[in-house]
Amino acid sequence: MARLKDRYIEEIVPALMSEFKYKNVMQVPRLEKIVVNIGLGEALDNPRVLETAAQDLSTITGQKPIINKSRKSIAQFKLRQGQSVGMSVTLHGERMYHFFDKIVSTTLARIRDFRGVSPDSFDGKGNYSLGMKDQTVFPEIEYDRVDKVRGLQINMVTTATNNEEGRRFLELMGMPFKKPEVVVGKTL
């Protein structure tokens, strides 16, 4: 079992039960799934991009990605319905916990000048979105084999009912949120 899942059961559940005064263990927020997603606008001109991006995404997540196709045509972007525009992976269970642990413990630490992730990227229902500028911060990716630096989006879907519960849950799980800066008498 993932060490993060053990920590969730032994430490985080009791802490959240007392902090938010839940009456039932099932009310405590938990991770439902993590969706990792890459947008590939350049795949319209170069279909080979799909292969390299798929290999990077499967190396990062340990799971084969699905290709996302456009739903409708948009003339300004030279986009036709059914063309490949991105790819995504949805993680559940053990893989999800291992991936979250990897992000928190190693990947975010590899970002240059890292001061924490934004505490404002919640959607109002306790789900968190994290954008990465390039895939090379993941330890599995070999920098020499990267053909192009691509950004990716990581969405963490929780069972929290609001942002406050979601933020506190992810904080206890180890997510390094930015602390508000204090400037002589003012909070920024």
N, C-alpha and C. Protein backbone atom coordinates (compact mmCIF):
# COMPACT_ATOMS: atom_id res chain seq x y z
N MET A 1 0.84 -1.18 0.00
CA MET A 1 0.00 0.00 0.00
C MET A 1 0.89 1.25 0.00
N ALA A 2 0.45 2.29 -0.65
CA ALA A 2 1.21 3.54 -0.73
C ALA A 2 1.35 4.18 0.64
N ARG A 3 2.54 4.71 0.90
CA ARG A 3 2.78 5.31 2.23
C ARG A 3 1.88 6.52 2.47
N LEU A 4 1.52 7.21 1.42
CA LEU A 4 0.65 8.37 1.54
C LEU A 4 -0.78 7.95 1.93
N LYS A 5 -1.22 6.81 1.41
CA LYS A 5 -2.55 6.31 1.76
C LYS A 5 -2.58 5.89 3.24
N ASP A 6 -1.49 5.27 3.70
CA ASP A 6 -1.39 4.90 5.13
C ASP A 6 -1.46 6.15 6.00
N ARG A 7 -0.71 7.18 5.60
CA ARG A 7 -0.68 8.43 6.36
C ARG A 7 -2.06 9.08 6.37
N TYR A 8 -2.77 8.99 5.24
CA TYR A 8 -4.12 9.54 5.15
C TYR A 8 -5.02 8.88 6.19
N ILE A 9 -4.99 7.55 6.25
CA ILE A 9 -5.86 6.81 7.16
C ILE A 9 -5.50 7.06 8.62
N GLU A 10 -4.20 7.05 8.92
CA GLU A 10 -3.75 7.12 10.32
C GLU A 10 -3.69 8.53 10.89
N GLU A 11 -3.32 9.53 10.08
CA GLU A 11 -3.11 10.88 10.60
C GLU A 11 -4.11 11.92 10.09
N ILE A 12 -4.33 11.93 8.79
CA ILE A 12 -5.10 13.00 8.16
C ILE A 12 -6.59 12.90 8.48
N VAL A 13 -7.16 11.69 8.42
CA VAL A 13 -8.58 11.52 8.71
C VAL A 13 -8.92 12.00 10.12
N PRO A 14 -8.17 11.55 11.17
CA PRO A 14 -8.49 12.05 12.51
C PRO A 14 -8.32 13.56 12.65
N ALA A 15 -7.29 14.13 12.00
CA ALA A 15 -7.07 15.57 12.09
C ALA A 15 -8.23 16.35 11.47
N LEU A 16 -8.69 15.93 10.29
CA LEU A 16 -9.79 16.61 9.63
C LEU A 16 -11.12 16.39 10.35
N MET A 17 -11.29 15.20 10.95
CA MET A 17 -12.52 14.92 11.71
C MET A 17 -12.66 15.92 12.86
N SER A 18 -11.56 16.16 13.58
CA SER A 18 -11.63 17.08 14.71
C SER A 18 -11.68 18.54 14.26
N GLU A 19 -10.96 18.89 13.18
CA GLU A 19 -10.91 20.27 12.72
C GLU A 19 -12.24 20.76 12.15
N PHE A 20 -12.89 19.94 11.33
CA PHE A 20 -14.15 20.34 10.68
C PHE A 20 -15.39 19.76 11.36
N LYS A 21 -15.19 19.05 12.48
CA LYS A 21 -16.29 18.49 13.28
C LYS A 21 -17.21 17.58 12.45
N TYR A 22 -16.59 16.69 11.65
CA TYR A 22 -17.38 15.73 10.89
C TYR A 22 -17.97 14.70 11.85
N LYS A 23 -19.17 14.25 11.54
CA LYS A 23 -19.82 13.23 12.36
C LYS A 23 -19.51 11.82 11.85
N ASN A 24 -19.13 11.71 10.59
CA ASN A 24 -18.92 10.42 9.95
C ASN A 24 -17.59 10.44 9.20
N VAL A 25 -16.87 9.33 9.19
CA VAL A 25 -15.58 9.23 8.49
C VAL A 25 -15.75 9.45 6.99
N MET A 26 -16.91 9.11 6.45
CA MET A 26 -17.14 9.26 5.02
C MET A 26 -17.27 10.73 4.58
N GLN A 27 -17.43 11.65 5.53
CA GLN A 27 -17.50 13.07 5.20
C GLN A 27 -16.11 13.67 4.98
N VAL A 28 -15.07 12.98 5.46
CA VAL A 28 -13.70 13.49 5.35
C VAL A 28 -13.29 13.51 3.88
N PRO A 29 -12.75 14.63 3.38
CA PRO A 29 -12.31 14.70 1.98
C PRO A 29 -11.24 13.66 1.67
N ARG A 30 -11.28 13.14 0.44
CA ARG A 30 -10.26 12.20 -0.02
C ARG A 30 -10.04 12.44 -1.51
N LEU A 31 -8.93 11.95 -2.01
CA LEU A 31 -8.65 12.05 -3.44
C LEU A 31 -9.52 11.06 -4.18
N GLU A 32 -10.21 11.52 -5.21
CA GLU A 32 -11.01 10.63 -6.04
C GLU A 32 -10.23 10.18 -7.26
N LYS A 33 -9.60 11.16 -7.93
CA LYS A 33 -8.81 10.84 -9.11
C LYS A 33 -7.88 12.01 -9.41
N ILE A 34 -6.88 11.73 -10.22
CA ILE A 34 -5.97 12.78 -10.72
C ILE A 34 -5.97 12.65 -12.24
N VAL A 35 -6.22 13.76 -12.92
CA VAL A 35 -6.23 13.78 -14.37
C VAL A 35 -5.04 14.61 -14.85
N VAL A 36 -4.17 13.99 -15.66
CA VAL A 36 -3.00 14.67 -16.23
C VAL A 36 -3.28 14.84 -17.71
N ASN A 37 -3.04 16.06 -18.23
CA ASN A 37 -3.55 16.44 -19.52
C ASN A 37 -2.52 17.29 -20.25
N ILE A 38 -2.30 17.02 -21.53
CA ILE A 38 -1.40 17.82 -22.36
C ILE A 38 -2.17 18.31 -23.58
N GLY A 39 -2.12 19.61 -23.83
CA GLY A 39 -2.73 20.17 -25.04
C GLY A 39 -1.70 20.15 -26.15
N LEU A 40 -2.10 19.68 -27.33
CA LEU A 40 -1.15 19.54 -28.44
C LEU A 40 -1.69 20.22 -29.69
N GLY A 41 -1.69 21.55 -29.67
CA GLY A 41 -2.13 22.29 -30.84
C GLY A 41 -1.24 22.06 -32.04
N GLU A 42 0.06 21.80 -31.79
CA GLU A 42 0.99 21.60 -32.89
C GLU A 42 0.79 20.26 -33.60
N ALA A 43 -0.05 19.37 -33.04
CA ALA A 43 -0.31 18.07 -33.67
C ALA A 43 -1.08 18.23 -34.97
N LEU A 44 -1.70 19.39 -35.19
CA LEU A 44 -2.42 19.64 -36.44
C LEU A 44 -1.46 19.66 -37.62
N ASP A 45 -0.27 20.21 -37.40
CA ASP A 45 0.73 20.31 -38.47
C ASP A 45 1.67 19.11 -38.50
N ASN A 46 1.95 18.53 -37.32
CA ASN A 46 2.93 17.46 -37.21
C ASN A 46 2.36 16.30 -36.39
N PRO A 47 1.82 15.28 -37.04
CA PRO A 47 1.19 14.17 -36.30
C PRO A 47 2.18 13.35 -35.46
N ARG A 48 3.47 13.45 -35.75
CA ARG A 48 4.48 12.71 -34.99
C ARG A 48 4.58 13.19 -33.54
N VAL A 49 4.12 14.41 -33.31
CA VAL A 49 4.13 15.00 -31.97
C VAL A 49 3.31 14.13 -31.00
N LEU A 50 2.24 13.53 -31.49
CA LEU A 50 1.39 12.68 -30.65
C LEU A 50 2.17 11.52 -30.06
N GLU A 51 3.05 10.91 -30.85
CA GLU A 51 3.82 9.76 -30.38
C GLU A 51 4.77 10.14 -29.26
N THR A 52 5.51 11.24 -29.44
CA THR A 52 6.48 11.63 -28.42
C THR A 52 5.79 12.12 -27.14
N ALA A 53 4.69 12.84 -27.31
CA ALA A 53 3.94 13.31 -26.14
C ALA A 53 3.32 12.14 -25.39
N ALA A 54 2.83 11.15 -26.13
CA ALA A 54 2.24 9.96 -25.50
C ALA A 54 3.30 9.19 -24.72
N GLN A 55 4.49 9.11 -25.29
CA GLN A 55 5.57 8.40 -24.58
C GLN A 55 5.95 9.15 -23.30
N ASP A 56 6.05 10.48 -23.37
CA ASP A 56 6.38 11.27 -22.19
C ASP A 56 5.30 11.12 -21.12
N LEU A 57 4.04 11.21 -21.51
CA LEU A 57 2.94 11.13 -20.56
C LEU A 57 2.84 9.74 -19.92
N SER A 58 3.07 8.69 -20.71
CA SER A 58 3.03 7.35 -20.12
C SER A 58 4.24 7.10 -19.23
N THR A 59 5.37 7.70 -19.52
CA THR A 59 6.54 7.59 -18.65
C THR A 59 6.29 8.29 -17.32
N ILE A 60 5.67 9.45 -17.37
CA ILE A 60 5.39 10.24 -16.16
C ILE A 60 4.36 9.55 -15.28
N THR A 61 3.28 9.03 -15.88
CA THR A 61 2.17 8.51 -15.09
C THR A 61 2.17 7.00 -14.90
N GLY A 62 2.85 6.26 -15.77
CA GLY A 62 2.83 4.81 -15.69
C GLY A 62 1.58 4.21 -16.30
N GLN A 63 0.89 4.97 -17.14
CA GLN A 63 -0.37 4.52 -17.73
C GLN A 63 -0.47 5.08 -19.15
N LYS A 64 -1.06 4.33 -20.06
CA LYS A 64 -1.18 4.77 -21.45
C LYS A 64 -2.23 5.88 -21.56
N PRO A 65 -1.89 7.00 -22.22
CA PRO A 65 -2.85 8.11 -22.36
C PRO A 65 -3.88 7.85 -23.46
N ILE A 66 -5.02 8.55 -23.34
CA ILE A 66 -6.01 8.53 -24.41
C ILE A 66 -5.87 9.83 -25.19
N ILE A 67 -6.17 9.79 -26.47
CA ILE A 67 -6.05 10.98 -27.32
C ILE A 67 -7.39 11.70 -27.32
N ASN A 68 -7.33 13.02 -27.06
CA ASN A 68 -8.53 13.86 -27.06
C ASN A 68 -8.70 14.47 -28.45
N LYS A 69 -9.90 14.37 -28.98
CA LYS A 69 -10.18 14.90 -30.32
C LYS A 69 -11.09 16.12 -30.21
N SER A 70 -10.99 17.02 -31.18
CA SER A 70 -11.83 18.22 -31.16
C SER A 70 -13.29 17.84 -31.41
N ARG A 71 -14.19 18.54 -30.73
CA ARG A 71 -15.62 18.24 -30.85
C ARG A 71 -16.27 19.00 -32.00
N LYS A 72 -15.69 20.17 -32.32
CA LYS A 72 -16.28 20.92 -33.42
C LYS A 72 -15.18 21.64 -34.19
N SER A 73 -15.50 22.07 -35.37
CA SER A 73 -14.55 22.77 -36.23
C SER A 73 -14.48 24.24 -35.85
N ILE A 74 -13.25 24.80 -35.86
CA ILE A 74 -13.05 26.22 -35.61
C ILE A 74 -12.13 26.74 -36.71
N ALA A 75 -12.68 27.53 -37.61
CA ALA A 75 -11.96 27.98 -38.80
C ALA A 75 -10.74 28.84 -38.47
N GLN A 76 -10.84 29.71 -37.45
CA GLN A 76 -9.73 30.60 -37.12
C GLN A 76 -8.47 29.83 -36.70
N PHE A 77 -8.67 28.65 -36.11
CA PHE A 77 -7.52 27.84 -35.68
C PHE A 77 -7.19 26.74 -36.67
N LYS A 78 -7.84 26.74 -37.82
CA LYS A 78 -7.66 25.71 -38.84
C LYS A 78 -7.89 24.32 -38.25
N LEU A 79 -8.92 24.22 -37.43
CA LEU A 79 -9.23 23.01 -36.70
C LEU A 79 -10.52 22.39 -37.23
N ARG A 80 -10.46 21.10 -37.55
CA ARG A 80 -11.64 20.39 -38.01
C ARG A 80 -12.11 19.42 -36.93
N GLN A 81 -13.38 19.14 -36.94
CA GLN A 81 -13.95 18.20 -35.98
C GLN A 81 -13.27 16.84 -36.12
N GLY A 82 -12.89 16.27 -34.98
CA GLY A 82 -12.29 14.94 -34.97
C GLY A 82 -10.77 14.93 -35.02
N GLN A 83 -10.13 16.10 -35.16
CA GLN A 83 -8.67 16.13 -35.17
C GLN A 83 -8.13 16.00 -33.74
N SER A 84 -6.97 15.40 -33.61
CA SER A 84 -6.34 15.21 -32.30
C SER A 84 -5.79 16.54 -31.79
N VAL A 85 -6.20 16.93 -30.57
CA VAL A 85 -5.77 18.21 -30.01
C VAL A 85 -5.11 18.08 -28.64
N GLY A 86 -5.02 16.86 -28.12
CA GLY A 86 -4.38 16.67 -26.82
C GLY A 86 -4.47 15.24 -26.37
N MET A 87 -4.00 14.99 -25.15
CA MET A 87 -4.11 13.66 -24.58
C MET A 87 -4.17 13.76 -23.07
N SER A 88 -4.77 12.74 -22.46
CA SER A 88 -4.92 12.78 -21.01
C SER A 88 -4.85 11.38 -20.42
N VAL A 89 -4.54 11.36 -19.12
CA VAL A 89 -4.49 10.12 -18.34
C VAL A 89 -5.28 10.37 -17.07
N THR A 90 -6.15 9.44 -16.69
CA THR A 90 -6.89 9.53 -15.44
C THR A 90 -6.37 8.45 -14.51
N LEU A 91 -5.88 8.87 -13.34
CA LEU A 91 -5.29 7.94 -12.37
C LEU A 91 -6.24 7.72 -11.20
N HIS A 92 -6.37 6.47 -10.78
CA HIS A 92 -7.18 6.09 -9.63
C HIS A 92 -6.34 5.19 -8.73
N GLY A 93 -6.77 5.01 -7.50
CA GLY A 93 -6.20 4.01 -6.60
C GLY A 93 -4.72 4.19 -6.28
N GLU A 94 -3.98 3.08 -6.30
CA GLU A 94 -2.57 3.09 -5.93
C GLU A 94 -1.74 4.01 -6.82
N ARG A 95 -1.98 3.96 -8.15
CA ARG A 95 -1.22 4.81 -9.07
C ARG A 95 -1.43 6.29 -8.75
N MET A 96 -2.66 6.63 -8.38
CA MET A 96 -2.98 8.01 -8.04
C MET A 96 -2.18 8.47 -6.83
N TYR A 97 -2.14 7.63 -5.77
CA TYR A 97 -1.40 7.99 -4.57
C TYR A 97 0.10 8.06 -4.83
N HIS A 98 0.63 7.12 -5.63
CA HIS A 98 2.06 7.17 -5.97
C HIS A 98 2.39 8.43 -6.76
N PHE A 99 1.52 8.79 -7.71
CA PHE A 99 1.75 9.98 -8.53
C PHE A 99 1.70 11.24 -7.67
N PHE A 100 0.71 11.34 -6.79
CA PHE A 100 0.61 12.51 -5.90
C PHE A 100 1.84 12.62 -5.01
N ASP A 101 2.28 11.50 -4.45
CA ASP A 101 3.48 11.48 -3.61
C ASP A 101 4.70 11.93 -4.39
N LYS A 102 4.81 11.47 -5.65
CA LYS A 102 5.94 11.86 -6.50
C LYS A 102 5.93 13.36 -6.77
N ILE A 103 4.75 13.91 -7.04
CA ILE A 103 4.66 15.35 -7.31
C ILE A 103 5.10 16.15 -6.09
N VAL A 104 4.56 15.79 -4.93
CA VAL A 104 4.82 16.55 -3.71
C VAL A 104 6.26 16.39 -3.23
N SER A 105 6.80 15.18 -3.27
CA SER A 105 8.11 14.95 -2.67
C SER A 105 9.29 15.22 -3.61
N THR A 106 9.15 14.98 -4.91
CA THR A 106 10.32 15.17 -5.78
C THR A 106 10.13 16.17 -6.90
N THR A 107 9.01 16.11 -7.60
CA THR A 107 8.84 16.92 -8.81
C THR A 107 8.81 18.42 -8.53
N LEU A 108 7.99 18.85 -7.57
CA LEU A 108 7.90 20.29 -7.28
C LEU A 108 9.23 20.84 -6.75
N ALA A 109 9.99 20.00 -6.07
CA ALA A 109 11.29 20.44 -5.54
C ALA A 109 12.30 20.68 -6.66
N ARG A 110 12.07 20.09 -7.82
CA ARG A 110 13.00 20.25 -8.95
C ARG A 110 12.75 21.52 -9.76
N ILE A 111 11.68 22.25 -9.45
CA ILE A 111 11.37 23.48 -10.17
C ILE A 111 12.28 24.60 -9.65
N ARG A 112 12.88 25.31 -10.57
CA ARG A 112 13.80 26.39 -10.20
C ARG A 112 13.04 27.52 -9.51
N ASP A 113 13.60 28.07 -8.45
CA ASP A 113 13.03 29.17 -7.67
C ASP A 113 11.62 28.85 -7.17
N PHE A 114 11.41 27.63 -6.73
CA PHE A 114 10.09 27.19 -6.28
C PHE A 114 9.81 27.74 -4.89
N ARG A 115 8.67 28.44 -4.75
CA ARG A 115 8.29 29.02 -3.45
C ARG A 115 6.94 28.49 -2.98
N GLY A 116 6.42 27.51 -3.66
CA GLY A 116 5.12 26.95 -3.31
C GLY A 116 4.14 27.10 -4.45
N VAL A 117 3.08 26.30 -4.40
CA VAL A 117 2.04 26.37 -5.43
C VAL A 117 0.96 27.36 -4.99
N SER A 118 0.24 27.89 -5.95
CA SER A 118 -0.79 28.89 -5.66
C SER A 118 -1.93 28.28 -4.85
N PRO A 119 -2.31 28.93 -3.75
CA PRO A 119 -3.44 28.42 -2.97
C PRO A 119 -4.79 28.83 -3.56
N ASP A 120 -4.78 29.53 -4.69
CA ASP A 120 -6.01 30.05 -5.28
C ASP A 120 -6.53 29.24 -6.47
N SER A 121 -5.91 28.12 -6.80
CA SER A 121 -6.29 27.37 -8.00
C SER A 121 -7.36 26.32 -7.73
N PHE A 122 -8.28 26.63 -6.85
CA PHE A 122 -9.40 25.73 -6.56
C PHE A 122 -10.60 26.15 -7.39
N ASP A 123 -11.52 25.22 -7.63
CA ASP A 123 -12.66 25.50 -8.50
C ASP A 123 -13.95 25.85 -7.78
N GLY A 124 -13.91 25.98 -6.45
CA GLY A 124 -15.12 26.29 -5.69
C GLY A 124 -15.73 25.06 -5.05
N LYS A 125 -15.32 23.88 -5.52
CA LYS A 125 -15.85 22.63 -4.98
C LYS A 125 -14.77 21.76 -4.35
N GLY A 126 -13.58 22.33 -4.11
CA GLY A 126 -12.51 21.60 -3.45
C GLY A 126 -11.56 20.87 -4.37
N ASN A 127 -11.72 21.02 -5.69
CA ASN A 127 -10.81 20.38 -6.65
C ASN A 127 -9.69 21.36 -6.99
N TYR A 128 -8.47 20.84 -7.17
CA TYR A 128 -7.31 21.69 -7.37
C TYR A 128 -6.67 21.45 -8.74
N SER A 129 -6.26 22.52 -9.41
CA SER A 129 -5.58 22.44 -10.70
C SER A 129 -4.18 22.99 -10.58
N LEU A 130 -3.23 22.26 -11.14
CA LEU A 130 -1.82 22.64 -11.08
C LEU A 130 -1.26 22.60 -12.49
N GLY A 131 -0.71 23.71 -12.95
CA GLY A 131 -0.11 23.76 -14.28
C GLY A 131 1.40 23.66 -14.19
N MET A 132 1.99 22.85 -15.06
CA MET A 132 3.45 22.72 -15.12
C MET A 132 3.90 23.27 -16.47
N LYS A 133 4.99 24.06 -16.47
CA LYS A 133 5.45 24.67 -17.71
C LYS A 133 6.19 23.69 -18.61
N ASP A 134 6.83 22.69 -18.01
CA ASP A 134 7.50 21.70 -18.84
C ASP A 134 7.56 20.33 -18.16
N GLN A 135 7.68 19.30 -18.99
CA GLN A 135 7.66 17.93 -18.49
C GLN A 135 9.02 17.47 -17.97
N THR A 136 10.06 18.28 -18.14
CA THR A 136 11.40 17.84 -17.73
C THR A 136 11.61 17.90 -16.22
N VAL A 137 10.69 18.47 -15.45
CA VAL A 137 10.84 18.48 -13.99
C VAL A 137 10.55 17.11 -13.39
N PHE A 138 9.92 16.22 -14.16
CA PHE A 138 9.68 14.87 -13.66
C PHE A 138 10.97 14.07 -13.77
N PRO A 139 11.34 13.35 -12.72
CA PRO A 139 12.63 12.63 -12.71
C PRO A 139 12.74 11.53 -13.77
N GLU A 140 11.63 10.99 -14.26
CA GLU A 140 11.68 9.90 -15.24
C GLU A 140 12.04 10.38 -16.64
N ILE A 141 11.83 11.64 -16.91
CA ILE A 141 12.06 12.18 -18.25
C ILE A 141 13.55 12.49 -18.42
N GLU A 142 14.13 11.91 -19.47
CA GLU A 142 15.53 12.19 -19.78
C GLU A 142 15.59 13.46 -20.62
N TYR A 143 16.30 14.45 -20.12
CA TYR A 143 16.34 15.76 -20.78
C TYR A 143 16.89 15.68 -22.20
N ASP A 144 17.85 14.79 -22.43
CA ASP A 144 18.47 14.68 -23.76
C ASP A 144 17.52 14.14 -24.82
N ARG A 145 16.50 13.39 -24.42
CA ARG A 145 15.58 12.79 -25.37
C ARG A 145 14.34 13.63 -25.64
N VAL A 146 14.21 14.77 -24.98
CA VAL A 146 13.05 15.62 -25.15
C VAL A 146 13.15 16.38 -26.47
N ASP A 147 12.13 16.22 -27.34
CA ASP A 147 12.15 16.93 -28.62
C ASP A 147 11.63 18.35 -28.48
N LYS A 148 10.66 18.55 -27.58
CA LYS A 148 10.11 19.88 -27.35
C LYS A 148 9.58 19.95 -25.93
N VAL A 149 9.78 21.08 -25.28
CA VAL A 149 9.26 21.28 -23.93
C VAL A 149 7.77 21.55 -24.03
N ARG A 150 6.98 20.74 -23.32
CA ARG A 150 5.52 20.88 -23.33
C ARG A 150 4.99 21.07 -21.93
N GLY A 151 4.00 21.91 -21.80
CA GLY A 151 3.36 22.10 -20.51
C GLY A 151 2.30 21.04 -20.30
N LEU A 152 1.92 20.85 -19.04
CA LEU A 152 0.85 19.90 -18.76
C LEU A 152 0.03 20.39 -17.59
N GLN A 153 -1.20 19.93 -17.53
CA GLN A 153 -2.15 20.33 -16.50
C GLN A 153 -2.45 19.13 -15.63
N ILE A 154 -2.42 19.32 -14.31
CA ILE A 154 -2.73 18.24 -13.37
C ILE A 154 -3.93 18.69 -12.56
N ASN A 155 -5.02 17.93 -12.64
CA ASN A 155 -6.25 18.24 -11.90
C ASN A 155 -6.46 17.18 -10.82
N MET A 156 -6.55 17.63 -9.59
CA MET A 156 -6.77 16.73 -8.46
C MET A 156 -8.22 16.86 -8.02
N VAL A 157 -8.99 15.81 -8.23
CA VAL A 157 -10.41 15.81 -7.91
C VAL A 157 -10.57 15.20 -6.52
N THR A 158 -11.17 15.98 -5.61
CA THR A 158 -11.37 15.53 -4.23
C THR A 158 -12.87 15.43 -3.94
N THR A 159 -13.19 14.85 -2.80
CA THR A 159 -14.59 14.77 -2.38
C THR A 159 -14.96 15.93 -1.46
N ALA A 160 -14.06 16.91 -1.32
CA ALA A 160 -14.33 18.07 -0.47
C ALA A 160 -15.52 18.85 -1.04
N THR A 161 -16.27 19.51 -0.15
CA THR A 161 -17.45 20.24 -0.60
C THR A 161 -17.16 21.71 -0.89
N ASN A 162 -16.04 22.24 -0.39
CA ASN A 162 -15.69 23.63 -0.66
C ASN A 162 -14.17 23.79 -0.70
N ASN A 163 -13.72 24.99 -1.07
CA ASN A 163 -12.28 25.24 -1.22
C ASN A 163 -11.52 25.14 0.09
N GLU A 164 -12.11 25.60 1.17
CA GLU A 164 -11.44 25.58 2.48
C GLU A 164 -11.11 24.14 2.89
N GLU A 165 -12.09 23.24 2.75
CA GLU A 165 -11.85 21.83 3.09
C GLU A 165 -10.82 21.21 2.15
N GLY A 166 -10.93 21.50 0.86
CA GLY A 166 -9.99 20.98 -0.13
C GLY A 166 -8.58 21.45 0.12
N ARG A 167 -8.42 22.76 0.42
CA ARG A 167 -7.09 23.32 0.68
C ARG A 167 -6.46 22.68 1.92
N ARG A 168 -7.24 22.57 2.98
CA ARG A 168 -6.72 21.98 4.22
C ARG A 168 -6.36 20.51 4.02
N PHE A 169 -7.19 19.78 3.29
CA PHE A 169 -6.92 18.37 3.00
C PHE A 169 -5.62 18.22 2.23
N LEU A 170 -5.44 18.99 1.13
CA LEU A 170 -4.22 18.88 0.34
C LEU A 170 -3.00 19.36 1.12
N GLU A 171 -3.19 20.34 1.99
CA GLU A 171 -2.10 20.83 2.84
C GLU A 171 -1.61 19.70 3.76
N LEU A 172 -2.55 18.99 4.36
CA LEU A 172 -2.19 17.87 5.23
C LEU A 172 -1.57 16.71 4.45
N MET A 173 -1.96 16.57 3.18
CA MET A 173 -1.39 15.52 2.33
C MET A 173 0.04 15.86 1.91
N GLY A 174 0.45 17.13 2.11
CA GLY A 174 1.83 17.51 1.81
C GLY A 174 1.99 18.51 0.69
N MET A 175 0.91 19.02 0.14
CA MET A 175 0.99 20.00 -0.94
C MET A 175 1.60 21.30 -0.40
N PRO A 176 2.71 21.76 -0.98
CA PRO A 176 3.39 22.96 -0.47
C PRO A 176 2.78 24.26 -1.02
N PHE A 177 1.75 24.77 -0.36
CA PHE A 177 1.13 26.02 -0.78
C PHE A 177 2.00 27.21 -0.39
N LYS A 178 1.93 28.28 -1.20
CA LYS A 178 2.64 29.52 -0.90
C LYS A 178 2.08 30.11 0.38
N LYS A 179 2.96 30.64 1.19
CA LYS A 179 2.53 31.37 2.39
C LYS A 179 2.35 32.82 1.98
N PRO A 180 1.34 33.50 2.51
CA PRO A 180 1.17 34.91 2.17
C PRO A 180 2.36 35.73 2.67
N GLU A 181 2.84 36.62 1.80
CA GLU A 181 3.99 37.45 2.17
C GLU A 181 3.53 38.58 3.08
N VAL A 182 4.33 38.86 4.10
CA VAL A 182 4.00 39.93 5.02
C VAL A 182 5.02 41.06 4.83
N VAL A 183 4.50 42.27 4.55
CA VAL A 183 5.36 43.45 4.38
C VAL A 183 4.96 44.44 5.45
N VAL A 184 5.82 44.68 6.40
CA VAL A 184 5.66 45.61 7.50
C VAL A 184 4.23 46.11 7.68
N GLY A 185 3.43 45.36 8.39
CA GLY A 185 2.08 45.78 8.71
C GLY A 185 1.02 45.43 7.68
N LYS A 186 1.42 44.91 6.52
CA LYS A 186 0.45 44.57 5.48
C LYS A 186 0.64 43.11 5.05
N THR A 187 -0.45 42.50 4.67
CA THR A 187 -0.38 41.15 4.10
C THR A 187 -0.67 41.25 2.62
N LEU A 188 0.18 40.67 1.78
CA LEU A 188 -0.02 40.72 0.34
C LEU A 188 -0.69 39.48 -0.15
